[in-house]
Amino acid sequence: MAIGVFGGTFDPVHVGHLRIAEEVREAFSLERIYFVPASVQPLKATVVAAGADERVRMLKMAIAGNGFFRISSTEIRRRGLSYSIDTVRHFSRRFGQIFFLVGTDAFLDIGLWKDWSDLFSSADFVVMARPGNEFSGFPRGLARQIRKIDEATFEHGSGRRIYFRRITQLDISSTRIRELASAGKSIKYLVPGAVERYIMSRGLYRS
């Protein structure tokens, strides 16, 4: 079974996240996409605003009705800092082929991640170009380990591949949604309706 692993704080999940997952699922004919909310991201340790239970609840509301989407709480159950290598190893024990979804900004910082070089021998990468953040090169130490297949595909020495995908340009961020909610402004159409109602009813992100 080929599956996608999409990690992040999802604080909150928004329609940009959902569209990314849907486009990658379709492009690679994946049987499932797992959304993996982080407990604490090592490089964003002070950013999380909503609690883990609330972020999982919002994800459940957001993916309701999509039979290809799942939620994995493995990083939340693990607690402490959430390391992608641990998550990839967790899924490797369960599934045959893993596609690890990551944005270009995070990809260029991947040299700061724990055991980052092991990631490229454990999963295929889908690097997603976001608005205003196009791919501009490989992280240091990685370029010599890969060979070019075509303009958007590279192969790692392990045989795993790195795919660069342009995604629909939805210029939406969780940070902006939190700012709007904090100011009492509308977040309608930036998040699924059920998520918007949950945020409003719970007073999430209000100062």
N, C-alpha and C. Protein backbone atom coordinates (compact mmCIF):
# COMPACT_ATOMS: atom_id res chain seq x y z
N MET A 1 0.84 -1.20 0.00
CA MET A 1 0.00 0.00 0.00
C MET A 1 0.88 1.24 0.00
N ALA A 2 0.60 2.17 -0.91
CA ALA A 2 1.33 3.45 -0.97
C ALA A 2 0.50 4.50 -0.25
N ILE A 3 1.11 5.17 0.70
CA ILE A 3 0.39 6.17 1.50
C ILE A 3 1.20 7.47 1.58
N GLY A 4 0.52 8.57 1.88
CA GLY A 4 1.18 9.84 2.10
C GLY A 4 1.19 10.18 3.58
N VAL A 5 2.24 10.80 4.03
CA VAL A 5 2.36 11.25 5.42
C VAL A 5 2.53 12.76 5.41
N PHE A 6 1.59 13.45 6.01
CA PHE A 6 1.55 14.91 5.99
C PHE A 6 1.57 15.42 7.43
N GLY A 7 2.72 15.88 7.88
CA GLY A 7 2.87 16.34 9.25
C GLY A 7 2.78 17.85 9.37
N GLY A 8 2.53 18.31 10.58
CA GLY A 8 2.46 19.75 10.86
C GLY A 8 1.74 20.00 12.15
N THR A 9 1.69 21.26 12.57
CA THR A 9 0.95 21.58 13.79
C THR A 9 -0.55 21.59 13.53
N PHE A 10 -0.97 21.97 12.31
CA PHE A 10 -2.40 22.08 11.96
C PHE A 10 -3.12 22.90 13.03
N ASP A 11 -2.66 24.13 13.18
CA ASP A 11 -3.09 24.99 14.28
C ASP A 11 -3.62 26.34 13.77
N PRO A 12 -4.76 26.37 13.06
CA PRO A 12 -5.65 25.23 12.77
C PRO A 12 -5.40 24.68 11.37
N VAL A 13 -6.00 23.50 11.11
CA VAL A 13 -6.04 22.98 9.75
C VAL A 13 -6.86 23.94 8.89
N HIS A 14 -6.46 24.12 7.63
CA HIS A 14 -7.22 25.03 6.75
C HIS A 14 -7.39 24.40 5.37
N VAL A 15 -8.12 25.08 4.50
CA VAL A 15 -8.43 24.49 3.19
C VAL A 15 -7.19 24.31 2.33
N GLY A 16 -6.15 25.10 2.56
CA GLY A 16 -4.90 24.91 1.84
C GLY A 16 -4.29 23.55 2.13
N HIS A 17 -4.30 23.14 3.41
CA HIS A 17 -3.80 21.81 3.78
C HIS A 17 -4.58 20.72 3.05
N LEU A 18 -5.90 20.86 3.04
CA LEU A 18 -6.75 19.83 2.43
C LEU A 18 -6.52 19.74 0.93
N ARG A 19 -6.36 20.89 0.29
CA ARG A 19 -6.15 20.89 -1.16
C ARG A 19 -4.80 20.28 -1.51
N ILE A 20 -3.77 20.59 -0.74
CA ILE A 20 -2.45 20.00 -0.94
C ILE A 20 -2.54 18.48 -0.88
N ALA A 21 -3.17 17.98 0.17
CA ALA A 21 -3.28 16.53 0.37
C ALA A 21 -4.03 15.88 -0.78
N GLU A 22 -5.10 16.53 -1.24
CA GLU A 22 -5.90 15.97 -2.32
C GLU A 22 -5.11 15.93 -3.63
N GLU A 23 -4.37 16.98 -3.92
CA GLU A 23 -3.60 17.02 -5.16
C GLU A 23 -2.49 15.97 -5.16
N VAL A 24 -1.80 15.82 -4.03
CA VAL A 24 -0.73 14.83 -3.95
C VAL A 24 -1.31 13.41 -4.01
N ARG A 25 -2.41 13.18 -3.33
CA ARG A 25 -3.05 11.86 -3.36
C ARG A 25 -3.38 11.46 -4.80
N GLU A 26 -3.96 12.41 -5.51
CA GLU A 26 -4.36 12.12 -6.89
C GLU A 26 -3.15 11.94 -7.81
N ALA A 27 -2.15 12.79 -7.66
CA ALA A 27 -0.98 12.74 -8.54
C ALA A 27 -0.21 11.43 -8.42
N PHE A 28 -0.16 10.88 -7.20
CA PHE A 28 0.64 9.67 -6.96
C PHE A 28 -0.23 8.44 -6.72
N SER A 29 -1.53 8.57 -6.96
CA SER A 29 -2.47 7.45 -6.80
C SER A 29 -2.33 6.78 -5.43
N LEU A 30 -2.28 7.60 -4.38
CA LEU A 30 -2.11 7.09 -3.03
C LEU A 30 -3.43 6.55 -2.49
N GLU A 31 -3.33 5.50 -1.71
CA GLU A 31 -4.54 4.90 -1.14
C GLU A 31 -5.01 5.64 0.10
N ARG A 32 -4.09 6.31 0.78
CA ARG A 32 -4.46 7.09 1.95
C ARG A 32 -3.47 8.25 2.13
N ILE A 33 -3.95 9.30 2.75
CA ILE A 33 -3.07 10.37 3.25
C ILE A 33 -3.29 10.44 4.75
N TYR A 34 -2.21 10.33 5.50
CA TYR A 34 -2.29 10.45 6.96
C TYR A 34 -1.85 11.86 7.37
N PHE A 35 -2.75 12.58 8.04
CA PHE A 35 -2.40 13.85 8.66
C PHE A 35 -1.84 13.53 10.05
N VAL A 36 -0.64 14.05 10.33
CA VAL A 36 0.03 13.72 11.59
C VAL A 36 0.31 14.99 12.37
N PRO A 37 -0.62 15.38 13.27
CA PRO A 37 -0.39 16.59 14.06
C PRO A 37 0.78 16.40 15.04
N ALA A 38 1.63 17.40 15.10
CA ALA A 38 2.82 17.33 15.96
C ALA A 38 2.46 17.58 17.41
N SER A 39 3.23 16.98 18.29
CA SER A 39 3.14 17.32 19.71
C SER A 39 3.83 18.66 19.91
N VAL A 40 5.14 18.68 19.67
CA VAL A 40 5.92 19.92 19.68
C VAL A 40 6.93 19.83 18.55
N GLN A 41 6.87 20.75 17.59
CA GLN A 41 7.85 20.76 16.51
C GLN A 41 9.16 21.36 17.02
N PRO A 42 10.27 20.66 16.84
CA PRO A 42 11.55 21.13 17.38
C PRO A 42 11.93 22.54 16.93
N LEU A 43 11.61 22.91 15.69
CA LEU A 43 12.00 24.22 15.18
C LEU A 43 10.92 25.28 15.38
N LYS A 44 9.77 24.88 15.97
CA LYS A 44 8.69 25.83 16.22
C LYS A 44 8.10 25.59 17.61
N ALA A 45 8.98 25.43 18.58
CA ALA A 45 8.55 24.98 19.90
C ALA A 45 7.62 25.95 20.62
N THR A 46 7.56 27.22 20.22
CA THR A 46 6.74 28.19 20.94
C THR A 46 5.51 28.64 20.15
N VAL A 47 5.27 28.00 18.99
CA VAL A 47 4.23 28.51 18.10
C VAL A 47 2.84 27.97 18.40
N VAL A 48 2.73 26.72 18.86
CA VAL A 48 1.43 26.07 19.01
C VAL A 48 0.53 26.85 19.96
N ALA A 49 -0.70 27.15 19.50
CA ALA A 49 -1.64 27.93 20.30
C ALA A 49 -2.77 27.08 20.85
N ALA A 50 -3.31 26.16 20.04
CA ALA A 50 -4.39 25.28 20.49
C ALA A 50 -3.80 23.99 21.02
N GLY A 51 -4.53 23.36 21.95
CA GLY A 51 -4.07 22.11 22.52
C GLY A 51 -4.14 20.96 21.53
N ALA A 52 -3.46 19.88 21.85
CA ALA A 52 -3.42 18.72 20.96
C ALA A 52 -4.81 18.17 20.70
N ASP A 53 -5.64 18.03 21.74
CA ASP A 53 -6.99 17.49 21.56
C ASP A 53 -7.81 18.37 20.64
N GLU A 54 -7.65 19.68 20.77
CA GLU A 54 -8.42 20.60 19.93
C GLU A 54 -7.96 20.52 18.47
N ARG A 55 -6.67 20.40 18.26
CA ARG A 55 -6.17 20.32 16.89
C ARG A 55 -6.61 19.02 16.21
N VAL A 56 -6.63 17.92 16.98
CA VAL A 56 -7.11 16.65 16.43
C VAL A 56 -8.60 16.74 16.13
N ARG A 57 -9.37 17.37 17.02
CA ARG A 57 -10.81 17.52 16.80
C ARG A 57 -11.09 18.29 15.51
N MET A 58 -10.34 19.38 15.31
CA MET A 58 -10.53 20.17 14.10
C MET A 58 -10.16 19.39 12.85
N LEU A 59 -9.11 18.58 12.94
CA LEU A 59 -8.73 17.74 11.80
C LEU A 59 -9.84 16.74 11.48
N LYS A 60 -10.42 16.14 12.50
CA LYS A 60 -11.51 15.18 12.27
C LYS A 60 -12.67 15.84 11.55
N MET A 61 -13.00 17.06 11.96
CA MET A 61 -14.08 17.79 11.30
C MET A 61 -13.71 18.09 9.85
N ALA A 62 -12.46 18.47 9.63
CA ALA A 62 -12.02 18.90 8.30
C ALA A 62 -12.02 17.77 7.29
N ILE A 63 -11.66 16.55 7.71
CA ILE A 63 -11.52 15.45 6.76
C ILE A 63 -12.77 14.58 6.67
N ALA A 64 -13.79 14.90 7.47
CA ALA A 64 -15.02 14.10 7.46
C ALA A 64 -15.57 14.03 6.03
N GLY A 65 -15.89 12.84 5.60
CA GLY A 65 -16.45 12.66 4.26
C GLY A 65 -15.43 12.32 3.20
N ASN A 66 -14.14 12.41 3.51
CA ASN A 66 -13.10 12.03 2.55
C ASN A 66 -12.53 10.67 2.97
N GLY A 67 -12.89 9.64 2.23
CA GLY A 67 -12.48 8.29 2.59
C GLY A 67 -11.00 8.02 2.43
N PHE A 68 -10.28 8.90 1.76
CA PHE A 68 -8.84 8.72 1.57
C PHE A 68 -8.01 9.33 2.70
N PHE A 69 -8.62 10.20 3.50
CA PHE A 69 -7.88 10.92 4.52
C PHE A 69 -8.02 10.24 5.89
N ARG A 70 -6.92 10.20 6.63
CA ARG A 70 -6.89 9.64 7.97
C ARG A 70 -6.09 10.58 8.89
N ILE A 71 -6.23 10.39 10.18
CA ILE A 71 -5.44 11.11 11.17
C ILE A 71 -4.65 10.10 11.97
N SER A 72 -3.37 10.39 12.20
CA SER A 72 -2.55 9.57 13.08
C SER A 72 -2.06 10.44 14.24
N SER A 73 -2.32 9.99 15.45
CA SER A 73 -1.89 10.73 16.65
C SER A 73 -0.57 10.20 17.20
N THR A 74 0.22 9.55 16.35
CA THR A 74 1.46 8.93 16.84
C THR A 74 2.40 9.93 17.50
N GLU A 75 2.51 11.14 16.94
CA GLU A 75 3.44 12.12 17.52
C GLU A 75 2.89 12.69 18.82
N ILE A 76 1.59 12.84 18.91
CA ILE A 76 0.98 13.33 20.14
C ILE A 76 1.11 12.29 21.24
N ARG A 77 0.88 11.03 20.91
CA ARG A 77 1.03 9.96 21.92
C ARG A 77 2.48 9.83 22.37
N ARG A 78 3.40 10.09 21.45
CA ARG A 78 4.82 9.99 21.78
C ARG A 78 5.24 11.10 22.74
N ARG A 79 4.57 12.23 22.64
CA ARG A 79 4.82 13.41 23.48
C ARG A 79 6.24 13.95 23.24
N GLY A 80 6.52 15.06 23.92
CA GLY A 80 7.83 15.68 23.74
C GLY A 80 8.00 16.21 22.33
N LEU A 81 9.25 16.38 21.91
CA LEU A 81 9.54 16.90 20.59
C LEU A 81 9.18 15.86 19.52
N SER A 82 8.60 16.33 18.44
CA SER A 82 8.16 15.44 17.36
C SER A 82 9.22 15.42 16.26
N TYR A 83 9.81 14.26 16.05
CA TYR A 83 10.84 14.13 15.03
C TYR A 83 10.30 13.32 13.86
N SER A 84 10.46 13.84 12.65
CA SER A 84 9.93 13.19 11.46
C SER A 84 10.51 11.81 11.25
N ILE A 85 11.77 11.61 11.59
CA ILE A 85 12.38 10.30 11.38
C ILE A 85 11.66 9.23 12.19
N ASP A 86 11.23 9.57 13.41
CA ASP A 86 10.49 8.60 14.23
C ASP A 86 9.14 8.28 13.60
N THR A 87 8.51 9.30 13.04
CA THR A 87 7.21 9.12 12.41
C THR A 87 7.32 8.27 11.15
N VAL A 88 8.32 8.57 10.32
CA VAL A 88 8.53 7.79 9.10
C VAL A 88 8.82 6.33 9.44
N ARG A 89 9.62 6.09 10.44
CA ARG A 89 9.92 4.71 10.84
C ARG A 89 8.66 4.01 11.32
N HIS A 90 7.81 4.73 12.03
CA HIS A 90 6.53 4.17 12.50
C HIS A 90 5.69 3.69 11.32
N PHE A 91 5.57 4.53 10.29
CA PHE A 91 4.75 4.15 9.14
C PHE A 91 5.44 3.10 8.27
N SER A 92 6.77 3.10 8.25
CA SER A 92 7.51 2.11 7.47
C SER A 92 7.24 0.69 7.94
N ARG A 93 6.97 0.57 9.23
CA ARG A 93 6.68 -0.76 9.77
C ARG A 93 5.30 -1.26 9.36
N ARG A 94 4.46 -0.35 8.88
CA ARG A 94 3.07 -0.71 8.56
C ARG A 94 2.77 -0.76 7.07
N PHE A 95 3.47 0.06 6.29
CA PHE A 95 3.11 0.21 4.88
C PHE A 95 4.31 -0.01 3.96
N GLY A 96 3.98 -0.36 2.72
CA GLY A 96 5.04 -0.67 1.77
C GLY A 96 5.78 0.54 1.24
N GLN A 97 5.05 1.56 0.81
CA GLN A 97 5.70 2.73 0.22
C GLN A 97 5.13 3.99 0.86
N ILE A 98 6.02 4.87 1.27
CA ILE A 98 5.62 6.10 1.96
C ILE A 98 6.05 7.31 1.16
N PHE A 99 5.13 8.23 0.97
CA PHE A 99 5.42 9.53 0.36
C PHE A 99 5.32 10.58 1.46
N PHE A 100 6.44 11.22 1.74
CA PHE A 100 6.51 12.20 2.83
C PHE A 100 6.33 13.59 2.25
N LEU A 101 5.26 14.27 2.66
CA LEU A 101 4.92 15.59 2.12
C LEU A 101 5.62 16.68 2.93
N VAL A 102 6.28 17.61 2.22
CA VAL A 102 6.99 18.68 2.89
C VAL A 102 7.01 19.91 1.99
N GLY A 103 6.94 21.09 2.58
CA GLY A 103 7.02 22.33 1.83
C GLY A 103 8.46 22.67 1.48
N THR A 104 8.64 23.55 0.50
CA THR A 104 10.00 23.90 0.08
C THR A 104 10.78 24.58 1.19
N ASP A 105 10.09 25.39 2.01
CA ASP A 105 10.80 26.08 3.10
C ASP A 105 11.38 25.08 4.09
N ALA A 106 10.56 24.10 4.49
CA ALA A 106 11.03 23.08 5.43
C ALA A 106 12.11 22.20 4.78
N PHE A 107 11.94 21.91 3.50
CA PHE A 107 12.91 21.06 2.80
C PHE A 107 14.30 21.69 2.80
N LEU A 108 14.38 22.98 2.60
CA LEU A 108 15.68 23.65 2.57
C LEU A 108 16.33 23.72 3.95
N ASP A 109 15.53 23.54 5.00
CA ASP A 109 16.07 23.52 6.37
C ASP A 109 16.27 22.11 6.89
N ILE A 110 16.10 21.12 6.03
CA ILE A 110 16.07 19.73 6.51
C ILE A 110 17.39 19.29 7.12
N GLY A 111 18.47 19.97 6.79
CA GLY A 111 19.75 19.65 7.40
C GLY A 111 19.78 19.88 8.90
N LEU A 112 18.78 20.59 9.43
CA LEU A 112 18.68 20.83 10.87
C LEU A 112 17.87 19.75 11.58
N TRP A 113 17.25 18.86 10.81
CA TRP A 113 16.38 17.85 11.40
C TRP A 113 17.18 16.69 11.97
N LYS A 114 16.60 16.02 12.94
CA LYS A 114 17.24 14.84 13.54
C LYS A 114 17.36 13.72 12.51
N ASP A 115 18.56 13.13 12.39
CA ASP A 115 18.82 12.00 11.48
C ASP A 115 18.26 12.26 10.09
N TRP A 116 18.42 13.48 9.60
CA TRP A 116 17.78 13.86 8.35
C TRP A 116 18.19 13.00 7.17
N SER A 117 19.44 12.57 7.12
CA SER A 117 19.89 11.78 5.97
C SER A 117 19.19 10.43 5.91
N ASP A 118 18.78 9.89 7.06
CA ASP A 118 18.07 8.61 7.08
C ASP A 118 16.68 8.73 6.48
N LEU A 119 16.11 9.93 6.50
CA LEU A 119 14.78 10.12 5.94
C LEU A 119 14.75 9.77 4.46
N PHE A 120 15.81 10.10 3.74
CA PHE A 120 15.83 9.91 2.29
C PHE A 120 16.02 8.45 1.88
N SER A 121 16.35 7.61 2.83
CA SER A 121 16.42 6.18 2.53
C SER A 121 15.21 5.44 3.10
N SER A 122 14.29 6.19 3.71
CA SER A 122 13.12 5.58 4.34
C SER A 122 11.81 5.94 3.67
N ALA A 123 11.80 7.00 2.86
CA ALA A 123 10.55 7.46 2.24
C ALA A 123 10.86 8.22 0.96
N ASP A 124 9.90 8.21 0.05
CA ASP A 124 9.96 9.10 -1.11
C ASP A 124 9.47 10.47 -0.63
N PHE A 125 10.05 11.53 -1.17
CA PHE A 125 9.69 12.89 -0.77
C PHE A 125 8.83 13.55 -1.85
N VAL A 126 7.81 14.26 -1.41
CA VAL A 126 7.06 15.14 -2.29
C VAL A 126 7.26 16.54 -1.75
N VAL A 127 8.05 17.34 -2.47
CA VAL A 127 8.37 18.71 -2.04
C VAL A 127 7.41 19.65 -2.76
N MET A 128 6.63 20.38 -1.99
CA MET A 128 5.54 21.18 -2.53
C MET A 128 5.92 22.66 -2.57
N ALA A 129 5.83 23.23 -3.75
CA ALA A 129 6.13 24.65 -3.93
C ALA A 129 4.92 25.48 -3.53
N ARG A 130 5.08 26.32 -2.51
CA ARG A 130 4.00 27.14 -2.01
C ARG A 130 4.10 28.56 -2.57
N PRO A 131 3.04 29.35 -2.42
CA PRO A 131 3.06 30.72 -2.96
C PRO A 131 4.29 31.51 -2.51
N GLY A 132 5.04 32.05 -3.47
CA GLY A 132 6.19 32.89 -3.16
C GLY A 132 7.38 32.14 -2.60
N ASN A 133 7.36 30.81 -2.68
CA ASN A 133 8.45 30.02 -2.09
C ASN A 133 8.83 28.88 -3.03
N GLU A 134 9.35 29.22 -4.20
CA GLU A 134 9.69 28.23 -5.20
C GLU A 134 10.98 27.50 -4.84
N PHE A 135 11.15 26.33 -5.40
CA PHE A 135 12.36 25.54 -5.17
C PHE A 135 13.57 26.24 -5.77
N SER A 136 14.64 26.33 -4.98
CA SER A 136 15.82 27.05 -5.45
C SER A 136 17.12 26.26 -5.30
N GLY A 137 17.02 25.00 -4.92
CA GLY A 137 18.22 24.20 -4.79
C GLY A 137 18.10 23.18 -3.67
N PHE A 138 19.10 22.32 -3.57
CA PHE A 138 19.07 21.27 -2.55
C PHE A 138 19.81 21.71 -1.29
N PRO A 139 19.42 21.16 -0.14
CA PRO A 139 20.16 21.45 1.10
C PRO A 139 21.61 20.97 0.98
N ARG A 140 22.48 21.59 1.72
CA ARG A 140 23.88 21.18 1.71
C ARG A 140 24.00 19.73 2.14
N GLY A 141 24.86 19.01 1.48
CA GLY A 141 25.09 17.62 1.84
C GLY A 141 24.19 16.63 1.13
N LEU A 142 23.14 17.13 0.46
CA LEU A 142 22.22 16.22 -0.22
C LEU A 142 22.50 16.13 -1.71
N ALA A 143 22.94 17.22 -2.32
CA ALA A 143 23.09 17.26 -3.78
C ALA A 143 23.99 16.14 -4.31
N ARG A 144 25.04 15.82 -3.61
CA ARG A 144 25.97 14.80 -4.12
C ARG A 144 25.41 13.38 -3.98
N GLN A 145 24.29 13.23 -3.28
CA GLN A 145 23.71 11.91 -3.06
C GLN A 145 22.59 11.58 -4.05
N ILE A 146 22.29 12.49 -4.97
CA ILE A 146 21.14 12.28 -5.85
C ILE A 146 21.53 12.41 -7.31
N ARG A 147 20.67 11.88 -8.17
CA ARG A 147 20.84 12.06 -9.61
C ARG A 147 19.51 12.52 -10.19
N LYS A 148 19.59 13.27 -11.24
CA LYS A 148 18.40 13.84 -11.86
C LYS A 148 17.74 12.84 -12.79
N ILE A 149 16.43 12.68 -12.64
CA ILE A 149 15.65 11.83 -13.53
C ILE A 149 15.00 12.69 -14.61
N ASP A 150 14.34 13.75 -14.18
CA ASP A 150 13.79 14.74 -15.11
C ASP A 150 13.71 16.06 -14.36
N GLU A 151 13.04 17.05 -14.93
CA GLU A 151 13.02 18.38 -14.34
C GLU A 151 12.42 18.42 -12.94
N ALA A 152 11.55 17.47 -12.63
CA ALA A 152 10.85 17.51 -11.34
C ALA A 152 11.09 16.26 -10.50
N THR A 153 11.98 15.38 -10.93
CA THR A 153 12.20 14.12 -10.23
C THR A 153 13.68 13.83 -10.07
N PHE A 154 14.06 13.45 -8.86
CA PHE A 154 15.45 13.10 -8.56
C PHE A 154 15.46 11.78 -7.79
N GLU A 155 16.55 11.04 -7.95
CA GLU A 155 16.67 9.77 -7.25
C GLU A 155 17.81 9.81 -6.25
N HIS A 156 17.51 9.42 -5.03
CA HIS A 156 18.51 9.34 -3.97
C HIS A 156 19.33 8.07 -4.16
N GLY A 157 20.50 8.04 -3.58
CA GLY A 157 21.37 6.86 -3.68
C GLY A 157 20.72 5.60 -3.16
N SER A 158 19.75 5.74 -2.27
CA SER A 158 19.04 4.59 -1.71
C SER A 158 18.01 4.02 -2.68
N GLY A 159 17.73 4.75 -3.76
CA GLY A 159 16.69 4.34 -4.69
C GLY A 159 15.38 5.06 -4.48
N ARG A 160 15.24 5.73 -3.34
CA ARG A 160 14.05 6.54 -3.08
C ARG A 160 14.09 7.78 -3.96
N ARG A 161 12.92 8.35 -4.20
CA ARG A 161 12.86 9.50 -5.09
C ARG A 161 12.38 10.77 -4.39
N ILE A 162 12.75 11.89 -4.98
CA ILE A 162 12.33 13.21 -4.51
C ILE A 162 11.58 13.86 -5.67
N TYR A 163 10.31 14.17 -5.43
CA TYR A 163 9.46 14.76 -6.46
C TYR A 163 9.15 16.20 -6.10
N PHE A 164 9.30 17.09 -7.05
CA PHE A 164 8.94 18.49 -6.84
C PHE A 164 7.61 18.76 -7.54
N ARG A 165 6.63 19.21 -6.77
CA ARG A 165 5.30 19.42 -7.29
C ARG A 165 4.86 20.86 -7.06
N ARG A 166 4.32 21.47 -8.10
CA ARG A 166 3.67 22.78 -7.94
C ARG A 166 2.23 22.52 -7.50
N ILE A 167 1.83 23.18 -6.44
CA ILE A 167 0.49 22.99 -5.91
C ILE A 167 -0.36 24.22 -6.20
N THR A 168 -1.67 24.06 -6.11
CA THR A 168 -2.57 25.18 -6.32
C THR A 168 -2.20 26.32 -5.36
N GLN A 169 -2.11 27.53 -5.91
CA GLN A 169 -1.60 28.65 -5.14
C GLN A 169 -2.67 29.24 -4.20
N LEU A 170 -2.89 28.56 -3.08
CA LEU A 170 -3.79 29.07 -2.05
C LEU A 170 -2.94 29.74 -0.98
N ASP A 171 -2.90 31.04 -1.00
CA ASP A 171 -2.03 31.78 -0.08
C ASP A 171 -2.71 31.93 1.28
N ILE A 172 -2.78 30.80 2.00
CA ILE A 172 -3.45 30.74 3.30
C ILE A 172 -2.46 30.18 4.30
N SER A 173 -2.42 30.73 5.49
CA SER A 173 -1.54 30.20 6.53
C SER A 173 -2.29 30.13 7.85
N SER A 174 -1.90 29.15 8.67
CA SER A 174 -2.50 29.03 10.00
C SER A 174 -2.20 30.27 10.83
N THR A 175 -1.02 30.86 10.63
CA THR A 175 -0.66 32.07 11.38
C THR A 175 -1.64 33.19 11.10
N ARG A 176 -1.96 33.39 9.82
CA ARG A 176 -2.91 34.45 9.44
C ARG A 176 -4.30 34.18 10.00
N ILE A 177 -4.71 32.94 9.98
CA ILE A 177 -6.03 32.57 10.53
C ILE A 177 -6.07 32.87 12.02
N ARG A 178 -5.02 32.54 12.74
CA ARG A 178 -4.98 32.84 14.18
C ARG A 178 -5.04 34.34 14.42
N GLU A 179 -4.34 35.11 13.58
CA GLU A 179 -4.36 36.57 13.73
C GLU A 179 -5.77 37.13 13.51
N LEU A 180 -6.45 36.63 12.49
CA LEU A 180 -7.81 37.09 12.22
C LEU A 180 -8.74 36.72 13.35
N ALA A 181 -8.65 35.49 13.82
CA ALA A 181 -9.52 35.04 14.91
C ALA A 181 -9.24 35.84 16.18
N SER A 182 -7.98 36.13 16.42
CA SER A 182 -7.60 36.90 17.61
C SER A 182 -8.20 38.30 17.57
N ALA A 183 -8.30 38.87 16.36
CA ALA A 183 -8.84 40.22 16.19
C ALA A 183 -10.37 40.22 16.06
N GLY A 184 -10.98 39.03 16.15
CA GLY A 184 -12.43 38.94 16.03
C GLY A 184 -12.93 39.10 14.61
N LYS A 185 -12.06 38.87 13.63
CA LYS A 185 -12.44 39.01 12.23
C LYS A 185 -12.81 37.66 11.61
N SER A 186 -13.46 37.70 10.47
CA SER A 186 -13.97 36.49 9.83
C SER A 186 -12.85 35.59 9.32
N ILE A 187 -13.03 34.29 9.53
CA ILE A 187 -12.13 33.28 8.95
C ILE A 187 -12.92 32.37 8.00
N LYS A 188 -14.12 32.80 7.66
CA LYS A 188 -14.98 32.03 6.76
C LYS A 188 -14.28 31.81 5.42
N TYR A 189 -14.40 30.59 4.90
CA TYR A 189 -13.83 30.14 3.62
C TYR A 189 -12.32 29.93 3.67
N LEU A 190 -11.69 30.21 4.79
CA LEU A 190 -10.27 29.88 4.96
C LEU A 190 -10.13 28.50 5.60
N VAL A 191 -11.11 28.13 6.38
CA VAL A 191 -11.16 26.81 7.03
C VAL A 191 -12.52 26.18 6.70
N PRO A 192 -12.64 24.85 6.81
CA PRO A 192 -13.95 24.24 6.59
C PRO A 192 -14.98 24.81 7.56
N GLY A 193 -16.25 24.81 7.15
CA GLY A 193 -17.30 25.41 7.96
C GLY A 193 -17.35 24.87 9.37
N ALA A 194 -17.22 23.56 9.54
CA ALA A 194 -17.29 22.96 10.87
C ALA A 194 -16.14 23.45 11.75
N VAL A 195 -14.97 23.61 11.14
CA VAL A 195 -13.80 24.10 11.88
C VAL A 195 -14.00 25.55 12.29
N GLU A 196 -14.54 26.37 11.38
CA GLU A 196 -14.83 27.76 11.71
C GLU A 196 -15.79 27.85 12.90
N ARG A 197 -16.85 27.06 12.88
CA ARG A 197 -17.83 27.10 13.97
C ARG A 197 -17.21 26.65 15.28
N TYR A 198 -16.33 25.65 15.21
CA TYR A 198 -15.66 25.17 16.42
C TYR A 198 -14.76 26.25 17.01
N ILE A 199 -13.98 26.90 16.16
CA ILE A 199 -13.07 27.95 16.63
C ILE A 199 -13.86 29.08 17.28
N MET A 200 -14.96 29.48 16.64
CA MET A 200 -15.77 30.57 17.17
C MET A 200 -16.44 30.18 18.49
N SER A 201 -17.00 28.98 18.54
CA SER A 201 -17.73 28.56 19.74
C SER A 201 -16.80 28.37 20.94
N ARG A 202 -15.57 27.95 20.66
CA ARG A 202 -14.61 27.73 21.75
C ARG A 202 -13.79 28.96 22.07
N GLY A 203 -13.90 29.99 21.25
CA GLY A 203 -13.10 31.19 21.47
C GLY A 203 -11.62 30.95 21.27
N LEU A 204 -11.28 30.00 20.39
CA LEU A 204 -9.87 29.70 20.16
C LEU A 204 -9.16 30.88 19.51
N TYR A 205 -7.93 31.08 19.91
CA TYR A 205 -7.02 32.07 19.34
C TYR A 205 -7.41 33.51 19.70
N ARG A 206 -8.41 33.68 20.53
CA ARG A 206 -8.74 35.04 20.96
C ARG A 206 -7.71 35.52 21.95
N SER A 207 -7.33 36.83 21.88
CA SER A 207 -6.32 37.32 22.80
C SER A 207 -6.88 37.39 24.21
